[in-house]
């Protein structure tokens, strides 16, 4: 799940770079999304 988290984070980053210019805002949103319980649970399941 740790390795999948990296891939998932990369996916989010690429998507957000298209619509959020601020790096700081992108990082805040990425952290908020990857910290969600449902995201974590699905990554644990692979």
ModelCIF file with pLDDT and N, C-alpha, C, O atoms, coordinates in Angstrom:
data_MODEL
#
_entry.id   MODEL 
#
_entity.id                         1 
_entity.type                       polymer 
_entity.pdbx_number_of_molecules   1 
#
_entity_poly.entity_id                      1 
_entity_poly.type                           'polypeptide(L)' 
_entity_poly.nstd_linkage                   no 
_entity_poly.nstd_monomer                   no 
_entity_poly.pdbx_seq_one_letter_code       
;(UNK)(UNK)(UNK)(UNK)(UNK)(UNK)(UNK)(UNK)(UNK)(UNK)(UNK)(UNK)(UNK)(UNK)(UNK)(UNK)
(UNK)(UNK)(UNK)(UNK)(UNK)(UNK)(UNK)(UNK)(UNK)(UNK)(UNK)(UNK)(UNK)(UNK)(UNK)(UNK)
(UNK)(UNK)(UNK)(UNK)(UNK)(UNK)(UNK)(UNK)(UNK)(UNK)(UNK)(UNK)(UNK)(UNK)
;
_entity_poly.pdbx_seq_one_letter_code_can   XXXXXXXXXXXXXXXXXXXXXXXXXXXXXXXXXXXXXXXXXXXXXX 
_entity_poly.pdbx_strand_id                 A 
#
loop_
_entity_poly_seq.entity_id 
_entity_poly_seq.num 
_entity_poly_seq.mon_id 
_entity_poly_seq.hetero 
1 1  UNK n 
1 2  UNK n 
1 3  UNK n 
1 4  UNK n 
1 5  UNK n 
1 6  UNK n 
1 7  UNK n 
1 8  UNK n 
1 9  UNK n 
1 10 UNK n 
1 11 UNK n 
1 12 UNK n 
1 13 UNK n 
1 14 UNK n 
1 15 UNK n 
1 16 UNK n 
1 17 UNK n 
1 18 UNK n 
1 19 UNK n 
1 20 UNK n 
1 21 UNK n 
1 22 UNK n 
1 23 UNK n 
1 24 UNK n 
1 25 UNK n 
1 26 UNK n 
1 27 UNK n 
1 28 UNK n 
1 29 UNK n 
1 30 UNK n 
1 31 UNK n 
1 32 UNK n 
1 33 UNK n 
1 34 UNK n 
1 35 UNK n 
1 36 UNK n 
1 37 UNK n 
1 38 UNK n 
1 39 UNK n 
1 40 UNK n 
1 41 UNK n 
1 42 UNK n 
1 43 UNK n 
1 44 UNK n 
1 45 UNK n 
1 46 UNK n 
#
_struct_asym.id          A 
_struct_asym.entity_id   1 
#
loop_
_ma_qa_metric.id 
_ma_qa_metric.mode 
_ma_qa_metric.name 
_ma_qa_metric.software_group_id 
_ma_qa_metric.type 
1 global pLDDT . pLDDT 
2 local  pLDDT . pLDDT 
#
_ma_qa_metric_global.metric_id      1 
_ma_qa_metric_global.metric_value   92.63 
_ma_qa_metric_global.model_id       1 
_ma_qa_metric_global.ordinal_id     1 
#
loop_
_ma_qa_metric_local.label_asym_id 
_ma_qa_metric_local.label_comp_id 
_ma_qa_metric_local.label_seq_id 
_ma_qa_metric_local.metric_id 
_ma_qa_metric_local.metric_value 
_ma_qa_metric_local.model_id 
_ma_qa_metric_local.ordinal_id 
A UNK 1  2 93.00 1 1  
A UNK 2  2 92.00 1 2  
A UNK 3  2 93.00 1 3  
A UNK 4  2 95.00 1 4  
A UNK 5  2 95.00 1 5  
A UNK 6  2 94.00 1 6  
A UNK 7  2 94.00 1 7  
A UNK 8  2 95.00 1 8  
A UNK 9  2 95.00 1 9  
A UNK 10 2 94.00 1 10 
A UNK 11 2 93.00 1 11 
A UNK 12 2 93.00 1 12 
A UNK 13 2 93.00 1 13 
A UNK 14 2 91.00 1 14 
A UNK 15 2 89.00 1 15 
A UNK 16 2 91.00 1 16 
A UNK 17 2 89.00 1 17 
A UNK 18 2 85.00 1 18 
A UNK 19 2 85.00 1 19 
A UNK 20 2 87.00 1 20 
A UNK 21 2 88.00 1 21 
A UNK 22 2 89.00 1 22 
A UNK 23 2 91.00 1 23 
A UNK 24 2 92.00 1 24 
A UNK 25 2 91.00 1 25 
A UNK 26 2 91.00 1 26 
A UNK 27 2 93.00 1 27 
A UNK 28 2 93.00 1 28 
A UNK 29 2 93.00 1 29 
A UNK 30 2 93.00 1 30 
A UNK 31 2 95.00 1 31 
A UNK 32 2 94.00 1 32 
A UNK 33 2 94.00 1 33 
A UNK 34 2 94.00 1 34 
A UNK 35 2 94.00 1 35 
A UNK 36 2 94.00 1 36 
A UNK 37 2 95.00 1 37 
A UNK 38 2 95.00 1 38 
A UNK 39 2 95.00 1 39 
A UNK 40 2 94.00 1 40 
A UNK 41 2 95.00 1 41 
A UNK 42 2 95.00 1 42 
A UNK 43 2 95.00 1 43 
A UNK 44 2 94.00 1 44 
A UNK 45 2 94.00 1 45 
A UNK 46 2 94.00 1 46 
#
loop_
_atom_site.group_PDB 
_atom_site.id 
_atom_site.type_symbol 
_atom_site.label_atom_id 
_atom_site.label_alt_id 
_atom_site.label_comp_id 
_atom_site.label_asym_id 
_atom_site.label_entity_id 
_atom_site.label_seq_id 
_atom_site.pdbx_PDB_ins_code 
_atom_site.Cartn_x 
_atom_site.Cartn_y 
_atom_site.Cartn_z 
_atom_site.occupancy 
_atom_site.B_iso_or_equiv 
_atom_site.pdbx_formal_charge 
_atom_site.auth_seq_id 
_atom_site.auth_comp_id 
_atom_site.auth_asym_id 
_atom_site.auth_atom_id 
_atom_site.pdbx_PDB_model_num 
ATOM 1   N N  . UNK A 1 1  ? 0.826   -1.210 0.000   1.00 93.00 ? 1  UNK A N  1 
ATOM 2   C CA . UNK A 1 1  ? 0.000   0.000  0.000   1.00 93.00 ? 1  UNK A CA 1 
ATOM 3   C C  . UNK A 1 1  ? 0.866   1.268  0.000   1.00 93.00 ? 1  UNK A C  1 
ATOM 4   O O  . UNK A 1 1  ? 0.447   2.302  -0.520  1.00 93.00 ? 1  UNK A O  1 
ATOM 5   N N  . UNK A 1 2  ? 2.072   1.192  0.583   1.00 92.00 ? 2  UNK A N  1 
ATOM 6   C CA . UNK A 1 2  ? 2.976   2.347  0.581   1.00 92.00 ? 2  UNK A CA 1 
ATOM 7   C C  . UNK A 1 2  ? 3.442   2.658  -0.835  1.00 92.00 ? 2  UNK A C  1 
ATOM 8   O O  . UNK A 1 2  ? 3.541   3.823  -1.220  1.00 92.00 ? 2  UNK A O  1 
ATOM 9   N N  . UNK A 1 3  ? 3.729   1.608  -1.615  1.00 93.00 ? 3  UNK A N  1 
ATOM 10  C CA . UNK A 1 3  ? 4.158   1.792  -2.999  1.00 93.00 ? 3  UNK A CA 1 
ATOM 11  C C  . UNK A 1 3  ? 2.997   2.312  -3.839  1.00 93.00 ? 3  UNK A C  1 
ATOM 12  O O  . UNK A 1 3  ? 3.189   3.180  -4.690  1.00 93.00 ? 3  UNK A O  1 
ATOM 13  N N  . UNK A 1 4  ? 1.787   1.785  -3.606  1.00 95.00 ? 4  UNK A N  1 
ATOM 14  C CA . UNK A 1 4  ? 0.608   2.261  -4.332  1.00 95.00 ? 4  UNK A CA 1 
ATOM 15  C C  . UNK A 1 4  ? 0.305   3.717  -3.974  1.00 95.00 ? 4  UNK A C  1 
ATOM 16  O O  . UNK A 1 4  ? -0.188  4.476  -4.808  1.00 95.00 ? 4  UNK A O  1 
ATOM 17  N N  . UNK A 1 5  ? 0.601   4.096  -2.743  1.00 95.00 ? 5  UNK A N  1 
ATOM 18  C CA . UNK A 1 5  ? 0.374   5.485  -2.320  1.00 95.00 ? 5  UNK A CA 1 
ATOM 19  C C  . UNK A 1 5  ? 1.213   6.448  -3.162  1.00 95.00 ? 5  UNK A C  1 
ATOM 20  O O  . UNK A 1 5  ? 0.751   7.535  -3.511  1.00 95.00 ? 5  UNK A O  1 
ATOM 21  N N  . UNK A 1 6  ? 2.434   6.051  -3.484  1.00 94.00 ? 6  UNK A N  1 
ATOM 22  C CA . UNK A 1 6  ? 3.296   6.889  -4.320  1.00 94.00 ? 6  UNK A CA 1 
ATOM 23  C C  . UNK A 1 6  ? 2.678   7.063  -5.708  1.00 94.00 ? 6  UNK A C  1 
ATOM 24  O O  . UNK A 1 6  ? 2.622   8.170  -6.242  1.00 94.00 ? 6  UNK A O  1 
ATOM 25  N N  . UNK A 1 7  ? 2.216   5.948  -6.283  1.00 94.00 ? 7  UNK A N  1 
ATOM 26  C CA . UNK A 1 7  ? 1.590   5.997  -7.607  1.00 94.00 ? 7  UNK A CA 1 
ATOM 27  C C  . UNK A 1 7  ? 0.322   6.850  -7.573  1.00 94.00 ? 7  UNK A C  1 
ATOM 28  O O  . UNK A 1 7  ? 0.061   7.624  -8.494  1.00 94.00 ? 7  UNK A O  1 
ATOM 29  N N  . UNK A 1 8  ? -0.456  6.703  -6.513  1.00 95.00 ? 8  UNK A N  1 
ATOM 30  C CA . UNK A 1 8  ? -1.700  7.469  -6.364  1.00 95.00 ? 8  UNK A CA 1 
ATOM 31  C C  . UNK A 1 8  ? -1.401  8.965  -6.204  1.00 95.00 ? 8  UNK A C  1 
ATOM 32  O O  . UNK A 1 8  ? -2.067  9.807  -6.807  1.00 95.00 ? 8  UNK A O  1 
ATOM 33  N N  . UNK A 1 9  ? -0.416  9.274  -5.406  1.00 95.00 ? 9  UNK A N  1 
ATOM 34  C CA . UNK A 1 9  ? -0.003  10.669 -5.201  1.00 95.00 ? 9  UNK A CA 1 
ATOM 35  C C  . UNK A 1 9  ? 0.430   11.291 -6.525  1.00 95.00 ? 9  UNK A C  1 
ATOM 36  O O  . UNK A 1 9  ? 0.078   12.433 -6.822  1.00 95.00 ? 9  UNK A O  1 
ATOM 37  N N  . UNK A 1 10 ? 1.192   10.541 -7.320  1.00 94.00 ? 10 UNK A N  1 
ATOM 38  C CA . UNK A 1 10 ? 1.652   11.032 -8.623  1.00 94.00 ? 10 UNK A CA 1 
ATOM 39  C C  . UNK A 1 10 ? 0.463   11.317 -9.543  1.00 94.00 ? 10 UNK A C  1 
ATOM 40  O O  . UNK A 1 10 ? 0.436   12.327 -10.247 1.00 94.00 ? 10 UNK A O  1 
ATOM 41  N N  . UNK A 1 11 ? -0.515  10.413 -9.525  1.00 93.00 ? 11 UNK A N  1 
ATOM 42  C CA . UNK A 1 11 ? -1.742  10.592 -10.307 1.00 93.00 ? 11 UNK A CA 1 
ATOM 43  C C  . UNK A 1 11 ? -2.442  11.892 -9.918  1.00 93.00 ? 11 UNK A C  1 
ATOM 44  O O  . UNK A 1 11 ? -2.816  12.686 -10.781 1.00 93.00 ? 11 UNK A O  1 
ATOM 45  N N  . UNK A 1 12 ? -2.616  12.105 -8.606  1.00 93.00 ? 12 UNK A N  1 
ATOM 46  C CA . UNK A 1 12 ? -3.266  13.324 -8.122  1.00 93.00 ? 12 UNK A CA 1 
ATOM 47  C C  . UNK A 1 12 ? -2.492  14.574 -8.517  1.00 93.00 ? 12 UNK A C  1 
ATOM 48  O O  . UNK A 1 12 ? -3.071  15.564 -8.963  1.00 93.00 ? 12 UNK A O  1 
ATOM 49  N N  . UNK A 1 13 ? -1.198  14.513 -8.349  1.00 93.00 ? 13 UNK A N  1 
ATOM 50  C CA . UNK A 1 13 ? -0.354  15.676 -8.645  1.00 93.00 ? 13 UNK A CA 1 
ATOM 51  C C  . UNK A 1 13 ? -0.488  16.092 -10.108 1.00 93.00 ? 13 UNK A C  1 
ATOM 52  O O  . UNK A 1 13 ? -0.611  17.279 -10.412 1.00 93.00 ? 13 UNK A O  1 
ATOM 53  N N  . UNK A 1 14 ? -0.465  15.115 -11.009 1.00 91.00 ? 14 UNK A N  1 
ATOM 54  C CA . UNK A 1 14 ? -0.588  15.422 -12.436 1.00 91.00 ? 14 UNK A CA 1 
ATOM 55  C C  . UNK A 1 14 ? -1.936  16.055 -12.746 1.00 91.00 ? 14 UNK A C  1 
ATOM 56  O O  . UNK A 1 14 ? -2.012  17.002 -13.528 1.00 91.00 ? 14 UNK A O  1 
ATOM 57  N N  . UNK A 1 15 ? -3.004  15.539 -12.136 1.00 89.00 ? 15 UNK A N  1 
ATOM 58  C CA . UNK A 1 15 ? -4.339  16.093 -12.364 1.00 89.00 ? 15 UNK A CA 1 
ATOM 59  C C  . UNK A 1 15 ? -4.440  17.527 -11.832 1.00 89.00 ? 15 UNK A C  1 
ATOM 60  O O  . UNK A 1 15 ? -4.977  18.413 -12.496 1.00 89.00 ? 15 UNK A O  1 
ATOM 61  N N  . UNK A 1 16 ? -3.914  17.735 -10.626 1.00 91.00 ? 16 UNK A N  1 
ATOM 62  C CA . UNK A 1 16 ? -4.068  19.041 -9.988  1.00 91.00 ? 16 UNK A CA 1 
ATOM 63  C C  . UNK A 1 16 ? -3.203  20.125 -10.622 1.00 91.00 ? 16 UNK A C  1 
ATOM 64  O O  . UNK A 1 16 ? -3.539  21.307 -10.553 1.00 91.00 ? 16 UNK A O  1 
ATOM 65  N N  . UNK A 1 17 ? -2.102  19.731 -11.235 1.00 89.00 ? 17 UNK A N  1 
ATOM 66  C CA . UNK A 1 17 ? -1.240  20.719 -11.895 1.00 89.00 ? 17 UNK A CA 1 
ATOM 67  C C  . UNK A 1 17 ? -1.958  21.380 -13.069 1.00 89.00 ? 17 UNK A C  1 
ATOM 68  O O  . UNK A 1 17 ? -1.573  22.464 -13.507 1.00 89.00 ? 17 UNK A O  1 
ATOM 69  N N  . UNK A 1 18 ? -3.007  20.723 -13.577 1.00 85.00 ? 18 UNK A N  1 
ATOM 70  C CA . UNK A 1 18 ? -3.757  21.268 -14.705 1.00 85.00 ? 18 UNK A CA 1 
ATOM 71  C C  . UNK A 1 18 ? -4.765  22.342 -14.285 1.00 85.00 ? 18 UNK A C  1 
ATOM 72  O O  . UNK A 1 18 ? -5.243  23.110 -15.120 1.00 85.00 ? 18 UNK A O  1 
ATOM 73  N N  . UNK A 1 19 ? -5.083  22.393 -13.007 1.00 85.00 ? 19 UNK A N  1 
ATOM 74  C CA . UNK A 1 19 ? -6.136  23.331 -12.603 1.00 85.00 ? 19 UNK A CA 1 
ATOM 75  C C  . UNK A 1 19 ? -5.827  24.165 -11.361 1.00 85.00 ? 19 UNK A C  1 
ATOM 76  O O  . UNK A 1 19 ? -6.572  25.092 -11.044 1.00 85.00 ? 19 UNK A O  1 
ATOM 77  N N  . UNK A 1 20 ? -4.741  23.850 -10.656 1.00 87.00 ? 20 UNK A N  1 
ATOM 78  C CA . UNK A 1 20 ? -4.352  24.651 -9.486  1.00 87.00 ? 20 UNK A CA 1 
ATOM 79  C C  . UNK A 1 20 ? -2.908  25.101 -9.669  1.00 87.00 ? 20 UNK A C  1 
ATOM 80  O O  . UNK A 1 20 ? -1.995  24.277 -9.697  1.00 87.00 ? 20 UNK A O  1 
ATOM 81  N N  . UNK A 1 21 ? -2.710  26.384 -9.791  1.00 88.00 ? 21 UNK A N  1 
ATOM 82  C CA . UNK A 1 21 ? -1.370  26.911 -10.062 1.00 88.00 ? 21 UNK A CA 1 
ATOM 83  C C  . UNK A 1 21 ? -0.471  26.925 -8.832  1.00 88.00 ? 21 UNK A C  1 
ATOM 84  O O  . UNK A 1 21 ? 0.742   26.743 -8.931  1.00 88.00 ? 21 UNK A O  1 
ATOM 85  N N  . UNK A 1 22 ? -1.073  27.140 -7.693  1.00 89.00 ? 22 UNK A N  1 
ATOM 86  C CA . UNK A 1 22 ? -0.295  27.264 -6.464  1.00 89.00 ? 22 UNK A CA 1 
ATOM 87  C C  . UNK A 1 22 ? 0.200   25.898 -5.979  1.00 89.00 ? 22 UNK A C  1 
ATOM 88  O O  . UNK A 1 22 ? -0.603  25.003 -5.716  1.00 89.00 ? 22 UNK A O  1 
ATOM 89  N N  . UNK A 1 23 ? 1.500   25.744 -5.865  1.00 91.00 ? 23 UNK A N  1 
ATOM 90  C CA . UNK A 1 23 ? 2.058   24.485 -5.371  1.00 91.00 ? 23 UNK A CA 1 
ATOM 91  C C  . UNK A 1 23 ? 1.609   24.219 -3.942  1.00 91.00 ? 23 UNK A C  1 
ATOM 92  O O  . UNK A 1 23 ? 1.298   23.086 -3.575  1.00 91.00 ? 23 UNK A O  1 
ATOM 93  N N  . UNK A 1 24 ? 1.578   25.269 -3.147  1.00 92.00 ? 24 UNK A N  1 
ATOM 94  C CA . UNK A 1 24 ? 1.167   25.116 -1.754  1.00 92.00 ? 24 UNK A CA 1 
ATOM 95  C C  . UNK A 1 24 ? -0.262  24.601 -1.655  1.00 92.00 ? 24 UNK A C  1 
ATOM 96  O O  . UNK A 1 24 ? -0.553  23.720 -0.846  1.00 92.00 ? 24 UNK A O  1 
ATOM 97  N N  . UNK A 1 25 ? -1.158  25.151 -2.478  1.00 91.00 ? 25 UNK A N  1 
ATOM 98  C CA . UNK A 1 25 ? -2.555  24.704 -2.458  1.00 91.00 ? 25 UNK A CA 1 
ATOM 99  C C  . UNK A 1 25 ? -2.686  23.272 -2.969  1.00 91.00 ? 25 UNK A C  1 
ATOM 100 O O  . UNK A 1 25 ? -3.477  22.488 -2.444  1.00 91.00 ? 25 UNK A O  1 
ATOM 101 N N  . UNK A 1 26 ? -1.900  22.935 -4.002  1.00 91.00 ? 26 UNK A N  1 
ATOM 102 C CA . UNK A 1 26 ? -1.927  21.553 -4.513  1.00 91.00 ? 26 UNK A CA 1 
ATOM 103 C C  . UNK A 1 26 ? -1.505  20.568 -3.434  1.00 91.00 ? 26 UNK A C  1 
ATOM 104 O O  . UNK A 1 26 ? -2.141  19.531 -3.245  1.00 91.00 ? 26 UNK A O  1 
ATOM 105 N N  . UNK A 1 27 ? -0.436  20.895 -2.732  1.00 93.00 ? 27 UNK A N  1 
ATOM 106 C CA . UNK A 1 27 ? 0.074   20.001 -1.689  1.00 93.00 ? 27 UNK A CA 1 
ATOM 107 C C  . UNK A 1 27 ? -0.939  19.825 -0.561  1.00 93.00 ? 27 UNK A C  1 
ATOM 108 O O  . UNK A 1 27 ? -1.111  18.722 -0.041  1.00 93.00 ? 27 UNK A O  1 
ATOM 109 N N  . UNK A 1 28 ? -1.602  20.909 -0.187  1.00 93.00 ? 28 UNK A N  1 
ATOM 110 C CA . UNK A 1 28 ? -2.618  20.829 0.877   1.00 93.00 ? 28 UNK A CA 1 
ATOM 111 C C  . UNK A 1 28 ? -3.759  19.906 0.468   1.00 93.00 ? 28 UNK A C  1 
ATOM 112 O O  . UNK A 1 28 ? -4.230  19.097 1.267   1.00 93.00 ? 28 UNK A O  1 
ATOM 113 N N  . UNK A 1 29 ? -4.204  20.036 -0.796  1.00 93.00 ? 29 UNK A N  1 
ATOM 114 C CA . UNK A 1 29 ? -5.311  19.218 -1.262  1.00 93.00 ? 29 UNK A CA 1 
ATOM 115 C C  . UNK A 1 29 ? -4.895  17.760 -1.425  1.00 93.00 ? 29 UNK A C  1 
ATOM 116 O O  . UNK A 1 29 ? -5.654  16.854 -1.083  1.00 93.00 ? 29 UNK A O  1 
ATOM 117 N N  . UNK A 1 30 ? -3.695  17.533 -1.946  1.00 93.00 ? 30 UNK A N  1 
ATOM 118 C CA . UNK A 1 30 ? -3.187  16.159 -2.085  1.00 93.00 ? 30 UNK A CA 1 
ATOM 119 C C  . UNK A 1 30 ? -3.147  15.481 -0.723  1.00 93.00 ? 30 UNK A C  1 
ATOM 120 O O  . UNK A 1 30 ? -3.607  14.349 -0.569  1.00 93.00 ? 30 UNK A O  1 
ATOM 121 N N  . UNK A 1 31 ? -2.593  16.180 0.262   1.00 95.00 ? 31 UNK A N  1 
ATOM 122 C CA . UNK A 1 31 ? -2.491  15.589 1.599   1.00 95.00 ? 31 UNK A CA 1 
ATOM 123 C C  . UNK A 1 31 ? -3.877  15.283 2.172   1.00 95.00 ? 31 UNK A C  1 
ATOM 124 O O  . UNK A 1 31 ? -4.082  14.252 2.812   1.00 95.00 ? 31 UNK A O  1 
ATOM 125 N N  . UNK A 1 32 ? -4.819  16.190 1.933   1.00 94.00 ? 32 UNK A N  1 
ATOM 126 C CA . UNK A 1 32 ? -6.180  15.984 2.434   1.00 94.00 ? 32 UNK A CA 1 
ATOM 127 C C  . UNK A 1 32 ? -6.811  14.747 1.804   1.00 94.00 ? 32 UNK A C  1 
ATOM 128 O O  . UNK A 1 32 ? -7.491  13.977 2.483   1.00 94.00 ? 32 UNK A O  1 
ATOM 129 N N  . UNK A 1 33 ? -6.580  14.555 0.487   1.00 94.00 ? 33 UNK A N  1 
ATOM 130 C CA . UNK A 1 33 ? -7.187  13.417 -0.211  1.00 94.00 ? 33 UNK A CA 1 
ATOM 131 C C  . UNK A 1 33 ? -6.525  12.101 0.188   1.00 94.00 ? 33 UNK A C  1 
ATOM 132 O O  . UNK A 1 33 ? -7.215  11.123 0.476   1.00 94.00 ? 33 UNK A O  1 
ATOM 133 N N  . UNK A 1 34 ? -5.182  12.070 0.206   1.00 94.00 ? 34 UNK A N  1 
ATOM 134 C CA . UNK A 1 34 ? -4.510  10.800 0.508   1.00 94.00 ? 34 UNK A CA 1 
ATOM 135 C C  . UNK A 1 34 ? -4.681  10.389 1.965   1.00 94.00 ? 34 UNK A C  1 
ATOM 136 O O  . UNK A 1 34 ? -4.434  9.237  2.323   1.00 94.00 ? 34 UNK A O  1 
ATOM 137 N N  . UNK A 1 35 ? -5.109  11.341 2.812   1.00 94.00 ? 35 UNK A N  1 
ATOM 138 C CA . UNK A 1 35 ? -5.330  11.033 4.229   1.00 94.00 ? 35 UNK A CA 1 
ATOM 139 C C  . UNK A 1 35 ? -6.727  10.476 4.498   1.00 94.00 ? 35 UNK A C  1 
ATOM 140 O O  . UNK A 1 35 ? -7.016  10.038 5.611   1.00 94.00 ? 35 UNK A O  1 
ATOM 141 N N  . UNK A 1 36 ? -7.587  10.493 3.492   1.00 94.00 ? 36 UNK A N  1 
ATOM 142 C CA . UNK A 1 36 ? -8.965  9.997  3.669   1.00 94.00 ? 36 UNK A CA 1 
ATOM 143 C C  . UNK A 1 36 ? -8.966  8.503  3.985   1.00 94.00 ? 36 UNK A C  1 
ATOM 144 O O  . UNK A 1 36 ? -8.149  7.739  3.471   1.00 94.00 ? 36 UNK A O  1 
ATOM 145 N N  . UNK A 1 37 ? -9.909  8.110  4.847   1.00 95.00 ? 37 UNK A N  1 
ATOM 146 C CA . UNK A 1 37 ? -10.008 6.713  5.230   1.00 95.00 ? 37 UNK A CA 1 
ATOM 147 C C  . UNK A 1 37 ? -10.363 5.785  4.080   1.00 95.00 ? 37 UNK A C  1 
ATOM 148 O O  . UNK A 1 37 ? -9.831  4.679  3.980   1.00 95.00 ? 37 UNK A O  1 
ATOM 149 N N  . UNK A 1 38 ? -11.284 6.246  3.190   1.00 95.00 ? 38 UNK A N  1 
ATOM 150 C CA . UNK A 1 38 ? -11.691 5.379  2.081   1.00 95.00 ? 38 UNK A CA 1 
ATOM 151 C C  . UNK A 1 38 ? -10.551 5.186  1.078   1.00 95.00 ? 38 UNK A C  1 
ATOM 152 O O  . UNK A 1 38 ? -10.421 4.115  0.485   1.00 95.00 ? 38 UNK A O  1 
ATOM 153 N N  . UNK A 1 39 ? -9.734  6.211  0.888   1.00 95.00 ? 39 UNK A N  1 
ATOM 154 C CA . UNK A 1 39 ? -8.566  6.078  0.009   1.00 95.00 ? 39 UNK A CA 1 
ATOM 155 C C  . UNK A 1 39 ? -7.580  5.087  0.611   1.00 95.00 ? 39 UNK A C  1 
ATOM 156 O O  . UNK A 1 39 ? -7.096  4.183  -0.070  1.00 95.00 ? 39 UNK A O  1 
ATOM 157 N N  . UNK A 1 40 ? -7.291  5.265  1.889   1.00 94.00 ? 40 UNK A N  1 
ATOM 158 C CA . UNK A 1 40 ? -6.354  4.378  2.583   1.00 94.00 ? 40 UNK A CA 1 
ATOM 159 C C  . UNK A 1 40 ? -6.828  2.933  2.549   1.00 94.00 ? 40 UNK A C  1 
ATOM 160 O O  . UNK A 1 40 ? -6.038  2.014  2.334   1.00 94.00 ? 40 UNK A O  1 
ATOM 161 N N  . UNK A 1 41 ? -8.114  2.743  2.763   1.00 95.00 ? 41 UNK A N  1 
ATOM 162 C CA . UNK A 1 41 ? -8.669  1.385  2.800   1.00 95.00 ? 41 UNK A CA 1 
ATOM 163 C C  . UNK A 1 41 ? -8.532  0.696  1.442   1.00 95.00 ? 41 UNK A C  1 
ATOM 164 O O  . UNK A 1 41 ? -8.190  -0.485 1.379   1.00 95.00 ? 41 UNK A O  1 
ATOM 165 N N  . UNK A 1 42 ? -8.794  1.417  0.370   1.00 95.00 ? 42 UNK A N  1 
ATOM 166 C CA . UNK A 1 42 ? -8.682  0.816  -0.959  1.00 95.00 ? 42 UNK A CA 1 
ATOM 167 C C  . UNK A 1 42 ? -7.230  0.536  -1.342  1.00 95.00 ? 42 UNK A C  1 
ATOM 168 O O  . UNK A 1 42 ? -6.948  -0.452 -2.020  1.00 95.00 ? 42 UNK A O  1 
ATOM 169 N N  . UNK A 1 43 ? -6.323  1.388  -0.919  1.00 95.00 ? 43 UNK A N  1 
ATOM 170 C CA . UNK A 1 43 ? -4.910  1.122  -1.190  1.00 95.00 ? 43 UNK A CA 1 
ATOM 171 C C  . UNK A 1 43 ? -4.427  -0.090 -0.403  1.00 95.00 ? 43 UNK A C  1 
ATOM 172 O O  . UNK A 1 43 ? -3.609  -0.867 -0.897  1.00 95.00 ? 43 UNK A O  1 
ATOM 173 N N  . UNK A 1 44 ? -4.924  -0.254 0.806   1.00 94.00 ? 44 UNK A N  1 
ATOM 174 C CA . UNK A 1 44 ? -4.589  -1.445 1.588   1.00 94.00 ? 44 UNK A CA 1 
ATOM 175 C C  . UNK A 1 44 ? -5.064  -2.714 0.891   1.00 94.00 ? 44 UNK A C  1 
ATOM 176 O O  . UNK A 1 44 ? -4.407  -3.753 0.958   1.00 94.00 ? 44 UNK A O  1 
ATOM 177 N N  . UNK A 1 45 ? -6.212  -2.619 0.221   1.00 94.00 ? 45 UNK A N  1 
ATOM 178 C CA . UNK A 1 45 ? -6.745  -3.766 -0.519  1.00 94.00 ? 45 UNK A CA 1 
ATOM 179 C C  . UNK A 1 45 ? -6.032  -3.970 -1.850  1.00 94.00 ? 45 UNK A C  1 
ATOM 180 O O  . UNK A 1 45 ? -6.229  -4.983 -2.521  1.00 94.00 ? 45 UNK A O  1 
ATOM 181 N N  . UNK A 1 46 ? -5.198  -2.993 -2.229  1.00 94.00 ? 46 UNK A N  1 
ATOM 182 C CA . UNK A 1 46 ? -4.512  -3.074 -3.517  1.00 94.00 ? 46 UNK A CA 1 
ATOM 183 C C  . UNK A 1 46 ? -5.358  -2.566 -4.668  1.00 94.00 ? 46 UNK A C  1 
ATOM 184 O O  . UNK A 1 46 ? -4.910  -2.574 -5.814  1.00 94.00 ? 46 UNK A O  1 
#
